[in-house]
């Protein structure tokens, strides 16, 4: 049942991405307007691309640290989905002729630029620190599985918060729809990971 749900979730996410690409190519409801570098649309694209990249890295790390097929399958799905979405976000910045980096702190577009201290590499809410990434790469088996599921739960919670910010603030329709798709998919995966942690005698960190 869980496998079927995971596959269905991956399929739904793929459909969201495919639909987003189609709308983007068609110039869907952008009204011919190019977002500014300080807009929520640009800020979300920049920040979520960074956020997604760490999720991809974590997922590939755990696939090398465990033989558990359930965790490996989840990690692969997250890595592929978020790598594809990251490419779309960076592609939009290219289409808009906007920089992929900003001198302003992350989350400024959400009026939360001072929230993340970037301590030990955690640039945005939910992101793992450099020390946590190092620890993940040193664990194996069940310990790696539990730590990955805990880290990714935190990561998804931060990602959902950011995506909801775009749904509220972004003006480009295709980007708002992609953000809503992220909210739906990651909330579903948070519930799945809670069950997987419970099966391993553990729980989310928060």
N, C-alpha and C. Protein backbone atom coordinates (compact mmCIF):
# COMPACT_ATOMS: atom_id res chain seq x y z
N UNK A 1 0.82 -1.20 0.00
CA UNK A 1 0.00 0.00 0.00
C UNK A 1 0.86 1.26 0.00
N UNK A 2 1.89 1.24 0.86
CA UNK A 2 2.76 2.42 0.92
C UNK A 2 3.48 2.62 -0.41
N UNK A 3 3.93 1.48 -1.01
CA UNK A 3 4.64 1.60 -2.28
C UNK A 3 3.73 2.19 -3.34
N UNK A 4 2.46 1.73 -3.35
CA UNK A 4 1.51 2.25 -4.33
C UNK A 4 1.30 3.74 -4.12
N UNK A 5 1.20 4.14 -2.84
CA UNK A 5 1.01 5.56 -2.56
C UNK A 5 2.19 6.38 -2.98
N UNK A 6 3.39 5.84 -2.77
CA UNK A 6 4.61 6.55 -3.16
C UNK A 6 4.69 6.72 -4.66
N UNK A 7 4.36 5.64 -5.37
CA UNK A 7 4.39 5.70 -6.84
C UNK A 7 3.36 6.69 -7.35
N UNK A 8 2.17 6.67 -6.72
CA UNK A 8 1.12 7.61 -7.13
C UNK A 8 1.56 9.04 -6.88
N UNK A 9 2.21 9.25 -5.74
CA UNK A 9 2.69 10.59 -5.43
C UNK A 9 3.73 11.05 -6.42
N UNK A 10 4.62 10.15 -6.80
CA UNK A 10 5.65 10.50 -7.78
C UNK A 10 5.02 10.82 -9.13
N UNK A 11 3.99 10.05 -9.48
CA UNK A 11 3.32 10.28 -10.76
C UNK A 11 2.62 11.63 -10.76
N UNK A 12 1.97 11.95 -9.62
CA UNK A 12 1.28 13.24 -9.53
C UNK A 12 2.26 14.39 -9.63
N UNK A 13 3.41 14.23 -8.97
CA UNK A 13 4.42 15.28 -9.02
C UNK A 13 4.95 15.44 -10.44
N UNK A 14 5.13 14.32 -11.12
CA UNK A 14 5.62 14.37 -12.50
C UNK A 14 4.62 15.09 -13.39
N UNK A 15 3.33 14.85 -13.14
CA UNK A 15 2.31 15.53 -13.93
C UNK A 15 2.32 17.02 -13.68
N UNK A 16 2.50 17.41 -12.42
CA UNK A 16 2.60 18.84 -12.11
C UNK A 16 3.76 19.46 -12.85
N UNK A 17 4.91 18.77 -12.83
CA UNK A 17 6.10 19.30 -13.50
C UNK A 17 5.87 19.39 -15.00
N UNK A 18 5.28 18.33 -15.57
CA UNK A 18 5.03 18.32 -17.01
C UNK A 18 4.07 19.43 -17.40
N UNK A 19 3.03 19.61 -16.57
CA UNK A 19 2.09 20.68 -16.85
C UNK A 19 2.73 22.04 -16.74
N UNK A 20 3.62 22.19 -15.77
CA UNK A 20 4.30 23.47 -15.58
C UNK A 20 5.17 23.79 -16.78
N UNK A 21 5.85 22.79 -17.29
CA UNK A 21 6.70 23.01 -18.46
C UNK A 21 5.85 23.43 -19.64
N UNK A 22 4.72 22.74 -19.84
CA UNK A 22 3.84 23.07 -20.96
C UNK A 22 3.36 24.50 -20.87
N UNK A 23 2.90 24.90 -19.69
CA UNK A 23 2.41 26.26 -19.52
C UNK A 23 3.53 27.28 -19.72
N UNK A 24 4.74 26.92 -19.24
CA UNK A 24 5.85 27.86 -19.36
C UNK A 24 6.18 28.11 -20.83
N UNK A 25 6.20 27.03 -21.60
CA UNK A 25 6.51 27.17 -23.02
C UNK A 25 5.44 27.98 -23.73
N UNK A 26 4.18 27.80 -23.27
CA UNK A 26 3.08 28.51 -23.91
C UNK A 26 2.95 29.95 -23.42
N UNK A 27 3.76 30.33 -22.43
CA UNK A 27 3.69 31.68 -21.90
C UNK A 27 2.42 31.90 -21.11
N UNK A 28 1.98 30.86 -20.39
CA UNK A 28 0.70 30.90 -19.68
C UNK A 28 0.61 32.06 -18.70
N UNK A 29 -0.45 32.77 -18.76
CA UNK A 29 -0.88 33.87 -17.88
C UNK A 29 0.25 34.67 -17.23
N UNK A 30 1.35 34.82 -17.94
CA UNK A 30 2.38 35.70 -17.42
C UNK A 30 2.11 37.15 -17.80
N UNK A 31 1.16 37.32 -18.71
CA UNK A 31 0.78 38.67 -19.11
C UNK A 31 1.92 39.42 -19.79
N UNK A 32 2.94 38.69 -20.24
CA UNK A 32 4.06 39.34 -20.89
C UNK A 32 4.96 40.10 -19.95
N UNK A 33 4.70 40.00 -18.65
CA UNK A 33 5.49 40.73 -17.66
C UNK A 33 6.67 39.90 -17.18
N UNK A 34 7.82 40.51 -17.12
CA UNK A 34 9.00 39.84 -16.58
C UNK A 34 9.17 40.26 -15.13
N UNK A 35 9.24 39.29 -14.21
CA UNK A 35 9.41 39.64 -12.80
C UNK A 35 10.72 40.39 -12.58
N UNK A 36 10.74 41.24 -11.57
CA UNK A 36 11.96 41.96 -11.23
C UNK A 36 12.86 41.07 -10.38
N UNK A 37 14.12 41.48 -10.24
CA UNK A 37 15.08 40.70 -9.45
C UNK A 37 14.68 40.64 -7.99
N UNK A 38 13.92 41.62 -7.51
CA UNK A 38 13.51 41.66 -6.11
C UNK A 38 12.12 41.07 -5.88
N UNK A 39 11.52 40.52 -6.91
CA UNK A 39 10.16 40.01 -6.80
C UNK A 39 10.13 38.68 -6.04
N UNK A 40 8.94 38.33 -5.57
CA UNK A 40 8.76 37.04 -4.92
C UNK A 40 9.02 35.90 -5.90
N UNK A 41 8.64 36.10 -7.16
CA UNK A 41 8.86 35.06 -8.17
C UNK A 41 10.34 34.73 -8.32
N UNK A 42 11.17 35.76 -8.42
CA UNK A 42 12.61 35.54 -8.57
C UNK A 42 13.22 35.02 -7.28
N UNK A 43 12.79 35.59 -6.15
CA UNK A 43 13.34 35.17 -4.86
C UNK A 43 13.04 33.71 -4.58
N UNK A 44 11.82 33.30 -4.84
CA UNK A 44 11.45 31.90 -4.63
C UNK A 44 12.26 30.99 -5.54
N UNK A 45 12.38 31.36 -6.81
CA UNK A 45 13.13 30.53 -7.75
C UNK A 45 14.58 30.35 -7.29
N UNK A 46 15.21 31.44 -6.87
CA UNK A 46 16.60 31.36 -6.40
C UNK A 46 16.72 30.51 -5.14
N UNK A 47 15.88 30.82 -4.14
CA UNK A 47 16.02 30.15 -2.85
C UNK A 47 15.62 28.68 -2.92
N UNK A 48 14.54 28.38 -3.62
CA UNK A 48 14.11 26.99 -3.68
C UNK A 48 15.08 26.14 -4.50
N UNK A 49 15.75 26.73 -5.46
CA UNK A 49 16.76 25.99 -6.21
C UNK A 49 17.89 25.54 -5.28
N UNK A 50 18.30 26.42 -4.38
CA UNK A 50 19.34 26.07 -3.39
C UNK A 50 18.81 25.03 -2.41
N UNK A 51 17.60 25.24 -1.94
CA UNK A 51 16.97 24.33 -0.98
C UNK A 51 16.85 22.92 -1.59
N UNK A 52 16.38 22.87 -2.83
CA UNK A 52 16.23 21.59 -3.52
C UNK A 52 17.58 20.88 -3.71
N UNK A 53 18.61 21.64 -4.01
CA UNK A 53 19.91 21.02 -4.27
C UNK A 53 20.38 20.21 -3.06
N UNK A 54 20.15 20.73 -1.86
CA UNK A 54 20.59 19.98 -0.68
C UNK A 54 19.76 18.70 -0.52
N UNK A 55 18.47 18.75 -0.83
CA UNK A 55 17.64 17.55 -0.74
C UNK A 55 18.15 16.48 -1.70
N UNK A 56 18.56 16.90 -2.88
CA UNK A 56 19.12 15.96 -3.85
C UNK A 56 20.40 15.33 -3.30
N UNK A 57 21.26 16.15 -2.72
CA UNK A 57 22.51 15.66 -2.16
C UNK A 57 22.26 14.67 -1.02
N UNK A 58 21.35 15.00 -0.11
CA UNK A 58 21.03 14.11 1.00
C UNK A 58 20.50 12.77 0.49
N UNK A 59 19.67 12.83 -0.53
CA UNK A 59 19.05 11.61 -1.05
C UNK A 59 20.08 10.68 -1.69
N UNK A 60 21.01 11.25 -2.41
CA UNK A 60 22.04 10.40 -3.01
C UNK A 60 23.00 9.84 -1.95
N UNK A 61 23.22 10.61 -0.89
CA UNK A 61 24.07 10.11 0.19
C UNK A 61 23.45 8.87 0.83
N UNK A 62 22.16 8.94 1.18
CA UNK A 62 21.54 7.82 1.89
C UNK A 62 21.41 6.60 0.99
N UNK A 63 21.26 6.79 -0.30
CA UNK A 63 21.19 5.63 -1.20
C UNK A 63 22.48 4.82 -1.18
N UNK A 64 23.57 5.46 -0.84
CA UNK A 64 24.85 4.76 -0.74
C UNK A 64 25.09 4.19 0.65
N UNK A 65 24.24 4.58 1.62
CA UNK A 65 24.48 4.20 3.02
C UNK A 65 23.52 3.13 3.54
N UNK A 66 22.55 2.72 2.72
CA UNK A 66 21.60 1.69 3.15
C UNK A 66 21.20 0.81 1.98
N UNK A 67 20.78 -0.40 2.32
CA UNK A 67 20.28 -1.33 1.32
C UNK A 67 18.76 -1.46 1.40
N UNK A 68 18.15 -0.72 2.30
CA UNK A 68 16.71 -0.78 2.47
C UNK A 68 16.01 -0.22 1.24
N UNK A 69 15.23 -1.04 0.56
CA UNK A 69 14.64 -0.64 -0.71
C UNK A 69 13.59 0.45 -0.55
N UNK A 70 12.86 0.46 0.57
CA UNK A 70 11.85 1.48 0.78
C UNK A 70 12.49 2.86 0.89
N UNK A 71 13.55 2.96 1.67
CA UNK A 71 14.24 4.25 1.82
C UNK A 71 14.93 4.64 0.52
N UNK A 72 15.54 3.68 -0.14
CA UNK A 72 16.23 3.97 -1.40
C UNK A 72 15.25 4.46 -2.46
N UNK A 73 14.05 3.87 -2.48
CA UNK A 73 13.03 4.26 -3.45
C UNK A 73 12.55 5.67 -3.17
N UNK A 74 12.31 5.97 -1.90
CA UNK A 74 11.88 7.33 -1.53
C UNK A 74 12.97 8.34 -1.87
N UNK A 75 14.21 8.02 -1.53
CA UNK A 75 15.32 8.93 -1.80
C UNK A 75 15.47 9.20 -3.29
N UNK A 76 15.32 8.16 -4.10
CA UNK A 76 15.42 8.32 -5.55
C UNK A 76 14.31 9.22 -6.07
N UNK A 77 13.09 9.01 -5.57
CA UNK A 77 11.95 9.81 -6.02
C UNK A 77 12.15 11.28 -5.67
N UNK A 78 12.61 11.53 -4.44
CA UNK A 78 12.85 12.92 -4.01
C UNK A 78 13.96 13.55 -4.84
N UNK A 79 15.04 12.81 -5.05
CA UNK A 79 16.17 13.35 -5.82
C UNK A 79 15.76 13.70 -7.24
N UNK A 80 15.04 12.80 -7.90
CA UNK A 80 14.66 13.05 -9.29
C UNK A 80 13.65 14.20 -9.40
N UNK A 81 12.66 14.19 -8.51
CA UNK A 81 11.64 15.25 -8.55
C UNK A 81 12.24 16.62 -8.31
N UNK A 82 13.06 16.71 -7.26
CA UNK A 82 13.58 18.02 -6.90
C UNK A 82 14.67 18.49 -7.86
N UNK A 83 15.42 17.57 -8.45
CA UNK A 83 16.40 17.97 -9.47
C UNK A 83 15.68 18.55 -10.69
N UNK A 84 14.57 17.92 -11.08
CA UNK A 84 13.80 18.42 -12.23
C UNK A 84 13.19 19.79 -11.92
N UNK A 85 12.63 19.92 -10.74
CA UNK A 85 12.03 21.21 -10.37
C UNK A 85 13.10 22.29 -10.27
N UNK A 86 14.26 21.93 -9.76
CA UNK A 86 15.36 22.90 -9.66
C UNK A 86 15.74 23.40 -11.05
N UNK A 87 15.79 22.51 -12.01
CA UNK A 87 16.11 22.91 -13.38
C UNK A 87 15.08 23.87 -13.94
N UNK A 88 13.82 23.65 -13.62
CA UNK A 88 12.77 24.55 -14.08
C UNK A 88 12.92 25.93 -13.45
N UNK A 89 13.19 25.97 -12.16
CA UNK A 89 13.32 27.26 -11.47
C UNK A 89 14.49 28.07 -12.03
N UNK A 90 15.62 27.40 -12.23
CA UNK A 90 16.78 28.09 -12.79
C UNK A 90 16.53 28.49 -14.24
N UNK A 91 15.76 27.65 -14.95
CA UNK A 91 15.43 27.97 -16.34
C UNK A 91 14.57 29.22 -16.45
N UNK A 92 13.65 29.39 -15.51
CA UNK A 92 12.82 30.60 -15.52
C UNK A 92 13.67 31.84 -15.27
N UNK A 93 14.63 31.74 -14.35
CA UNK A 93 15.51 32.88 -14.11
C UNK A 93 16.27 33.25 -15.37
N UNK A 94 16.70 32.24 -16.11
CA UNK A 94 17.38 32.50 -17.38
C UNK A 94 16.44 33.19 -18.37
N UNK A 95 15.21 32.68 -18.48
CA UNK A 95 14.24 33.26 -19.40
C UNK A 95 13.92 34.71 -19.03
N UNK A 96 13.90 34.98 -17.74
CA UNK A 96 13.60 36.34 -17.27
C UNK A 96 14.83 37.24 -17.31
N UNK A 97 16.00 36.68 -17.61
CA UNK A 97 17.23 37.47 -17.63
C UNK A 97 17.63 37.96 -16.26
N UNK A 98 17.35 37.17 -15.23
CA UNK A 98 17.63 37.57 -13.85
C UNK A 98 18.77 36.75 -13.26
N UNK A 99 19.51 37.32 -12.32
CA UNK A 99 20.64 36.59 -11.71
C UNK A 99 20.17 35.43 -10.85
N UNK A 100 20.99 34.41 -10.76
CA UNK A 100 20.67 33.23 -9.96
C UNK A 100 21.11 33.38 -8.51
N UNK A 101 21.81 34.45 -8.22
CA UNK A 101 22.23 34.73 -6.84
C UNK A 101 21.84 36.17 -6.51
N UNK A 102 21.76 36.46 -5.22
CA UNK A 102 21.40 37.80 -4.77
C UNK A 102 22.29 38.21 -3.62
N UNK A 103 22.55 39.50 -3.51
CA UNK A 103 23.35 40.00 -2.41
C UNK A 103 22.53 40.08 -1.12
N UNK A 104 21.22 39.96 -1.26
CA UNK A 104 20.34 40.01 -0.09
C UNK A 104 20.23 38.62 0.55
N UNK A 105 19.94 38.56 1.85
CA UNK A 105 19.83 37.27 2.54
C UNK A 105 18.69 36.43 1.95
N UNK A 106 18.81 35.10 2.02
CA UNK A 106 17.71 34.24 1.59
C UNK A 106 16.43 34.58 2.35
N UNK A 107 15.30 34.33 1.71
CA UNK A 107 13.98 34.54 2.31
C UNK A 107 13.59 36.02 2.41
N UNK A 108 14.40 36.93 1.87
CA UNK A 108 14.05 38.35 1.91
C UNK A 108 12.72 38.59 1.21
N UNK A 109 12.45 37.84 0.16
CA UNK A 109 11.20 38.00 -0.59
C UNK A 109 9.98 37.62 0.26
N UNK A 110 10.20 36.90 1.36
CA UNK A 110 9.13 36.55 2.30
C UNK A 110 9.16 37.44 3.54
N UNK A 111 9.98 38.49 3.49
CA UNK A 111 10.17 39.37 4.66
C UNK A 111 10.74 38.60 5.84
N UNK A 112 11.58 37.60 5.52
CA UNK A 112 12.19 36.77 6.55
C UNK A 112 13.69 36.67 6.34
N UNK A 113 14.28 37.71 5.77
CA UNK A 113 15.68 37.67 5.43
C UNK A 113 16.61 37.48 6.61
N UNK A 114 16.16 37.84 7.80
CA UNK A 114 17.02 37.69 8.97
C UNK A 114 16.75 36.43 9.76
N UNK A 115 15.87 35.57 9.27
CA UNK A 115 15.47 34.40 10.05
C UNK A 115 16.56 33.34 10.12
N UNK A 116 17.17 33.05 8.99
CA UNK A 116 18.21 32.01 8.96
C UNK A 116 19.57 32.65 9.20
N UNK A 117 20.31 32.10 10.14
CA UNK A 117 21.61 32.67 10.49
C UNK A 117 22.73 32.15 9.59
N UNK A 118 22.40 31.12 8.79
CA UNK A 118 23.40 30.46 7.95
C UNK A 118 24.48 29.79 8.79
N UNK A 119 24.17 29.58 10.07
CA UNK A 119 25.12 28.91 10.96
C UNK A 119 25.41 27.51 10.46
N UNK A 120 26.70 27.22 10.31
CA UNK A 120 27.15 25.90 9.88
C UNK A 120 26.50 25.48 8.56
N UNK A 121 26.27 26.44 7.67
CA UNK A 121 25.81 26.12 6.33
C UNK A 121 24.32 26.01 6.14
N UNK A 122 23.52 26.16 7.20
CA UNK A 122 22.06 26.07 7.06
C UNK A 122 21.53 27.43 6.62
N UNK A 123 21.37 27.62 5.32
CA UNK A 123 21.03 28.92 4.76
C UNK A 123 19.57 29.31 4.94
N UNK A 124 18.69 28.31 5.03
CA UNK A 124 17.26 28.58 5.12
C UNK A 124 16.61 27.59 6.08
N UNK A 125 15.41 27.93 6.58
CA UNK A 125 14.71 27.04 7.50
C UNK A 125 14.56 25.64 6.91
N UNK A 126 14.82 24.64 7.75
CA UNK A 126 14.69 23.26 7.33
C UNK A 126 15.96 22.66 6.76
N UNK A 127 16.89 23.50 6.34
CA UNK A 127 18.11 22.97 5.74
C UNK A 127 19.02 22.35 6.78
N UNK A 128 19.70 21.27 6.40
CA UNK A 128 20.64 20.60 7.28
C UNK A 128 21.92 21.43 7.38
N UNK A 129 22.60 21.32 8.50
CA UNK A 129 23.88 21.99 8.66
C UNK A 129 24.98 21.18 7.99
N UNK A 130 26.15 21.77 7.84
CA UNK A 130 27.29 21.03 7.29
C UNK A 130 27.63 19.84 8.17
N UNK A 131 27.53 20.02 9.48
CA UNK A 131 27.84 18.93 10.41
C UNK A 131 26.85 17.77 10.25
N UNK A 132 25.59 18.11 10.03
CA UNK A 132 24.58 17.06 9.85
C UNK A 132 24.80 16.32 8.53
N UNK A 133 25.17 17.04 7.49
CA UNK A 133 25.45 16.39 6.21
C UNK A 133 26.64 15.44 6.35
N UNK A 134 27.65 15.87 7.07
CA UNK A 134 28.83 15.03 7.30
C UNK A 134 28.45 13.77 8.09
N UNK A 135 27.62 13.95 9.11
CA UNK A 135 27.19 12.82 9.93
C UNK A 135 26.40 11.82 9.10
N UNK A 136 25.51 12.30 8.23
CA UNK A 136 24.72 11.42 7.39
C UNK A 136 25.62 10.54 6.53
N UNK A 137 26.71 11.13 6.04
CA UNK A 137 27.64 10.39 5.20
C UNK A 137 28.48 9.38 5.95
N UNK A 138 28.44 9.46 7.29
CA UNK A 138 29.24 8.55 8.11
C UNK A 138 28.40 7.41 8.69
N UNK A 139 27.08 7.57 8.71
CA UNK A 139 26.21 6.53 9.24
C UNK A 139 25.92 5.48 8.17
N UNK A 140 25.36 4.38 8.61
CA UNK A 140 24.99 3.32 7.66
C UNK A 140 23.80 2.54 8.22
N UNK A 141 23.15 1.80 7.33
CA UNK A 141 22.04 0.96 7.74
C UNK A 141 20.89 1.74 8.37
N UNK A 142 20.31 1.16 9.42
CA UNK A 142 19.14 1.75 10.07
C UNK A 142 19.42 3.15 10.60
N UNK A 143 20.63 3.38 11.14
CA UNK A 143 20.97 4.71 11.66
C UNK A 143 20.93 5.76 10.56
N UNK A 144 21.45 5.41 9.40
CA UNK A 144 21.42 6.34 8.26
C UNK A 144 19.99 6.59 7.81
N UNK A 145 19.19 5.53 7.79
CA UNK A 145 17.79 5.66 7.37
C UNK A 145 17.04 6.62 8.29
N UNK A 146 17.16 6.41 9.59
CA UNK A 146 16.45 7.25 10.56
C UNK A 146 16.89 8.71 10.46
N UNK A 147 18.21 8.92 10.39
CA UNK A 147 18.71 10.29 10.35
C UNK A 147 18.29 10.98 9.06
N UNK A 148 18.33 10.27 7.95
CA UNK A 148 17.88 10.84 6.68
C UNK A 148 16.41 11.22 6.75
N UNK A 149 15.57 10.33 7.27
CA UNK A 149 14.14 10.61 7.35
C UNK A 149 13.86 11.79 8.26
N UNK A 150 14.63 11.93 9.32
CA UNK A 150 14.47 13.08 10.21
C UNK A 150 14.92 14.38 9.53
N UNK A 151 16.08 14.32 8.89
CA UNK A 151 16.58 15.50 8.18
C UNK A 151 15.63 15.92 7.07
N UNK A 152 15.14 14.93 6.31
CA UNK A 152 14.29 15.25 5.18
C UNK A 152 12.92 15.75 5.62
N UNK A 153 12.45 15.27 6.76
CA UNK A 153 11.19 15.79 7.30
C UNK A 153 11.35 17.28 7.63
N UNK A 154 12.44 17.63 8.32
CA UNK A 154 12.71 19.05 8.61
C UNK A 154 12.83 19.85 7.31
N UNK A 155 13.54 19.26 6.35
CA UNK A 155 13.78 19.93 5.07
C UNK A 155 12.46 20.20 4.35
N UNK A 156 11.59 19.19 4.31
CA UNK A 156 10.29 19.34 3.66
C UNK A 156 9.44 20.38 4.37
N UNK A 157 9.48 20.40 5.71
CA UNK A 157 8.69 21.40 6.44
C UNK A 157 9.12 22.81 6.06
N UNK A 158 10.43 23.03 5.96
CA UNK A 158 10.93 24.33 5.52
C UNK A 158 10.55 24.61 4.08
N UNK A 159 10.60 23.59 3.24
CA UNK A 159 10.24 23.75 1.84
C UNK A 159 8.77 24.08 1.65
N UNK A 160 7.92 23.42 2.43
CA UNK A 160 6.48 23.69 2.36
C UNK A 160 6.20 25.14 2.74
N UNK A 161 6.87 25.62 3.78
CA UNK A 161 6.68 27.00 4.22
C UNK A 161 7.06 27.98 3.11
N UNK A 162 8.18 27.72 2.44
CA UNK A 162 8.62 28.58 1.34
C UNK A 162 7.65 28.52 0.17
N UNK A 163 7.21 27.30 -0.18
CA UNK A 163 6.31 27.14 -1.32
C UNK A 163 4.97 27.82 -1.05
N UNK A 164 4.49 27.73 0.18
CA UNK A 164 3.26 28.44 0.53
C UNK A 164 3.44 29.95 0.39
N UNK A 165 4.66 30.42 0.69
CA UNK A 165 4.96 31.84 0.51
C UNK A 165 4.83 32.25 -0.94
N UNK A 166 5.28 31.39 -1.84
CA UNK A 166 5.17 31.69 -3.28
C UNK A 166 3.71 31.66 -3.72
N UNK A 167 2.97 30.68 -3.23
CA UNK A 167 1.55 30.61 -3.58
C UNK A 167 0.85 31.92 -3.22
N UNK A 168 1.25 32.49 -2.09
CA UNK A 168 0.63 33.73 -1.63
C UNK A 168 1.16 34.98 -2.34
N UNK A 169 2.47 34.96 -2.71
CA UNK A 169 3.12 36.19 -3.16
C UNK A 169 3.49 36.22 -4.64
N UNK A 170 3.76 35.07 -5.24
CA UNK A 170 4.20 35.06 -6.65
C UNK A 170 3.04 35.49 -7.56
N UNK A 171 3.40 36.05 -8.71
CA UNK A 171 2.37 36.51 -9.64
C UNK A 171 2.35 35.70 -10.94
N UNK A 172 3.43 34.99 -11.24
CA UNK A 172 3.48 34.16 -12.45
C UNK A 172 2.69 32.88 -12.19
N UNK A 173 1.64 32.69 -12.95
CA UNK A 173 0.73 31.57 -12.70
C UNK A 173 1.38 30.21 -12.68
N UNK A 174 2.27 29.96 -13.63
CA UNK A 174 2.90 28.65 -13.70
C UNK A 174 3.76 28.38 -12.49
N UNK A 175 4.39 29.41 -11.96
CA UNK A 175 5.23 29.24 -10.78
C UNK A 175 4.38 29.00 -9.53
N UNK A 176 3.26 29.69 -9.43
CA UNK A 176 2.35 29.48 -8.31
C UNK A 176 1.83 28.05 -8.31
N UNK A 177 1.52 27.52 -9.50
CA UNK A 177 1.00 26.15 -9.58
C UNK A 177 2.08 25.14 -9.21
N UNK A 178 3.31 25.40 -9.66
CA UNK A 178 4.40 24.50 -9.28
C UNK A 178 4.59 24.53 -7.77
N UNK A 179 4.55 25.71 -7.17
CA UNK A 179 4.70 25.84 -5.73
C UNK A 179 3.61 25.08 -4.99
N UNK A 180 2.38 25.18 -5.46
CA UNK A 180 1.28 24.44 -4.81
C UNK A 180 1.50 22.94 -4.95
N UNK A 181 2.01 22.51 -6.10
CA UNK A 181 2.32 21.10 -6.28
C UNK A 181 3.38 20.63 -5.30
N UNK A 182 4.37 21.51 -5.03
CA UNK A 182 5.39 21.18 -4.03
C UNK A 182 4.78 21.01 -2.65
N UNK A 183 3.88 21.91 -2.29
CA UNK A 183 3.21 21.84 -0.99
C UNK A 183 2.50 20.50 -0.85
N UNK A 184 1.70 20.15 -1.84
CA UNK A 184 0.90 18.92 -1.78
C UNK A 184 1.78 17.68 -1.70
N UNK A 185 2.81 17.62 -2.56
CA UNK A 185 3.67 16.44 -2.62
C UNK A 185 4.50 16.29 -1.35
N UNK A 186 5.05 17.39 -0.87
CA UNK A 186 5.94 17.30 0.30
C UNK A 186 5.16 17.04 1.58
N UNK A 187 3.95 17.55 1.69
CA UNK A 187 3.13 17.23 2.85
C UNK A 187 2.80 15.74 2.87
N UNK A 188 2.53 15.18 1.69
CA UNK A 188 2.27 13.75 1.60
C UNK A 188 3.51 12.94 2.00
N UNK A 189 4.68 13.40 1.56
CA UNK A 189 5.91 12.69 1.90
C UNK A 189 6.25 12.83 3.38
N UNK A 190 5.89 13.95 3.99
CA UNK A 190 6.11 14.12 5.44
C UNK A 190 5.31 13.07 6.19
N UNK A 191 4.07 12.84 5.79
CA UNK A 191 3.25 11.81 6.44
C UNK A 191 3.84 10.43 6.22
N UNK A 192 4.30 10.16 5.01
CA UNK A 192 4.93 8.87 4.71
C UNK A 192 6.17 8.67 5.57
N UNK A 193 7.00 9.69 5.69
CA UNK A 193 8.24 9.56 6.46
C UNK A 193 7.97 9.38 7.95
N UNK A 194 6.88 9.96 8.45
CA UNK A 194 6.50 9.75 9.85
C UNK A 194 6.20 8.28 10.09
N UNK A 195 5.50 7.65 9.15
CA UNK A 195 5.20 6.22 9.26
C UNK A 195 6.49 5.39 9.18
N UNK A 196 7.38 5.78 8.28
CA UNK A 196 8.63 5.03 8.11
C UNK A 196 9.50 5.15 9.36
N UNK A 197 9.51 6.32 9.98
CA UNK A 197 10.26 6.49 11.22
C UNK A 197 9.66 5.64 12.33
N UNK A 198 8.35 5.62 12.42
CA UNK A 198 7.67 4.84 13.45
C UNK A 198 8.02 3.36 13.32
N UNK A 199 8.06 2.88 12.08
CA UNK A 199 8.42 1.47 11.84
C UNK A 199 9.84 1.18 12.31
N UNK A 200 10.67 2.19 12.37
CA UNK A 200 12.06 2.01 12.79
C UNK A 200 12.28 2.43 14.25
N UNK A 201 11.18 2.59 14.98
CA UNK A 201 11.28 2.92 16.40
C UNK A 201 11.77 4.33 16.66
N UNK A 202 11.51 5.23 15.73
CA UNK A 202 11.98 6.61 15.86
C UNK A 202 10.82 7.56 15.56
N UNK A 203 11.11 8.85 15.62
CA UNK A 203 10.11 9.88 15.37
C UNK A 203 10.77 11.10 14.78
N UNK A 204 9.98 11.99 14.13
CA UNK A 204 10.55 13.25 13.64
C UNK A 204 11.17 14.03 14.79
N UNK A 205 12.13 14.90 14.47
CA UNK A 205 12.82 15.67 15.52
C UNK A 205 11.95 16.80 16.06
N UNK A 206 10.97 17.23 15.28
CA UNK A 206 10.11 18.31 15.73
C UNK A 206 8.70 18.13 15.19
